[in-house]
Amino acid sequence: MQDFFFLALAPWLAFCVFAFLAKLLISFAKKRRSVAVAFGLLVQMFAPDPMVEKTIETVIEQPARKKSSTRHSDLRKTQEND
């Protein structure tokens, strides 16, 4: 019976703890305390990125776009000089 009581209250207890933690961190962030910034950085570092494949493709494509745009601008400059 006691195990059932704990299982029934555990989700509510977890919700209340997370709500209190969120309220505390929001108040720290409004006061610009470093605790909130550090916690946010840690969560961002260790949280999984659901769009990791798209991010990798974007990072790989950006240098290729820069190289192609510089080639086009170099070609325009040489054509203007001729």
Protein backbone atom coordinates (compact mmCIF):
# COMPACT_ATOMS: atom_id res chain seq x y z
CA MET A 1 0.00 0.00 0.00
CA GLN A 2 2.81 2.40 0.85
CA ASP A 3 4.56 1.70 -2.48
CA PHE A 4 1.36 2.48 -4.35
CA PHE A 5 1.01 5.75 -2.45
CA PHE A 6 4.58 6.75 -3.37
CA LEU A 7 4.05 5.79 -7.03
CA ALA A 8 0.89 7.87 -7.17
CA LEU A 9 2.57 10.95 -5.67
CA ALA A 10 5.97 10.66 -7.41
CA PRO A 11 4.95 12.39 -10.67
CA TRP A 12 3.36 15.27 -8.75
CA LEU A 13 6.39 15.59 -6.52
CA ALA A 14 8.69 15.67 -9.56
CA PHE A 15 6.47 18.28 -11.23
CA CYS A 16 6.52 20.50 -8.13
CA VAL A 17 10.31 20.21 -7.81
CA PHE A 18 10.85 21.12 -11.47
CA ALA A 19 8.38 24.02 -11.22
CA PHE A 20 10.20 25.38 -8.17
CA LEU A 21 13.56 24.97 -9.91
CA ALA A 22 12.25 26.77 -12.99
CA LYS A 23 10.89 29.65 -10.90
CA LEU A 24 14.20 29.91 -9.06
CA LEU A 25 16.25 29.91 -12.27
CA ILE A 26 13.98 32.50 -13.89
CA SER A 27 14.41 34.81 -10.92
CA PHE A 28 18.20 34.29 -11.09
CA ALA A 29 18.18 35.02 -14.81
CA LYS A 30 16.23 38.26 -14.27
CA LYS A 31 18.83 39.34 -11.72
CA ARG A 32 21.59 38.31 -14.17
CA ARG A 33 23.17 35.87 -11.76
CA SER A 34 25.87 33.61 -13.14
CA VAL A 35 24.20 30.49 -11.71
CA ALA A 36 21.40 30.71 -14.26
CA VAL A 37 23.84 31.27 -17.13
CA ALA A 38 26.05 28.38 -16.03
CA PHE A 39 23.05 26.06 -15.70
CA GLY A 40 21.82 27.07 -19.15
CA LEU A 41 25.23 26.43 -20.68
CA LEU A 42 25.48 23.00 -19.06
CA VAL A 43 22.01 22.01 -20.24
CA GLN A 44 22.82 23.22 -23.75
CA MET A 45 26.08 21.26 -23.81
CA PHE A 46 24.64 17.97 -22.61
CA ALA A 47 21.18 18.07 -24.16
CA PRO A 48 20.90 16.09 -27.39
CA ASP A 49 20.46 18.05 -30.59
CA PRO A 50 17.54 16.59 -32.60
CA MET A 51 18.67 18.43 -35.75
CA VAL A 52 22.34 17.34 -35.59
CA GLU A 53 22.42 15.98 -39.16
CA LYS A 54 20.99 19.20 -40.59
CA THR A 55 23.45 21.26 -38.53
CA ILE A 56 26.40 19.24 -39.82
CA GLU A 57 25.22 19.61 -43.43
CA THR A 58 24.80 23.37 -42.96
CA VAL A 59 28.28 23.73 -41.49
CA ILE A 60 29.78 21.76 -44.37
CA GLU A 61 27.87 23.74 -47.02
CA GLN A 62 28.81 27.18 -45.66
CA PRO A 63 32.53 27.04 -46.56
CA ALA A 64 31.62 25.70 -50.01
CA ARG A 65 29.25 28.65 -50.58
CA LYS A 66 31.90 31.12 -49.43
CA LYS A 67 34.47 29.61 -51.81
CA SER A 68 32.07 29.67 -54.75
CA SER A 69 31.02 33.25 -54.04
CA THR A 70 34.65 34.39 -53.84
CA ARG A 71 35.40 32.62 -57.12
CA HIS A 72 32.51 34.41 -58.80
CA SER A 73 33.64 37.76 -57.44
CA ASP A 74 37.22 37.05 -58.58
CA LEU A 75 35.97 36.21 -62.06
CA ARG A 76 33.98 39.44 -62.20
CA LYS A 77 37.02 41.46 -61.16
CA THR A 78 39.20 39.87 -63.83
CA GLN A 79 36.52 40.39 -66.48
CA GLU A 80 36.19 44.04 -65.49
CA ASN A 81 39.97 44.53 -65.71
CA ASP A 82 40.13 43.04 -69.25
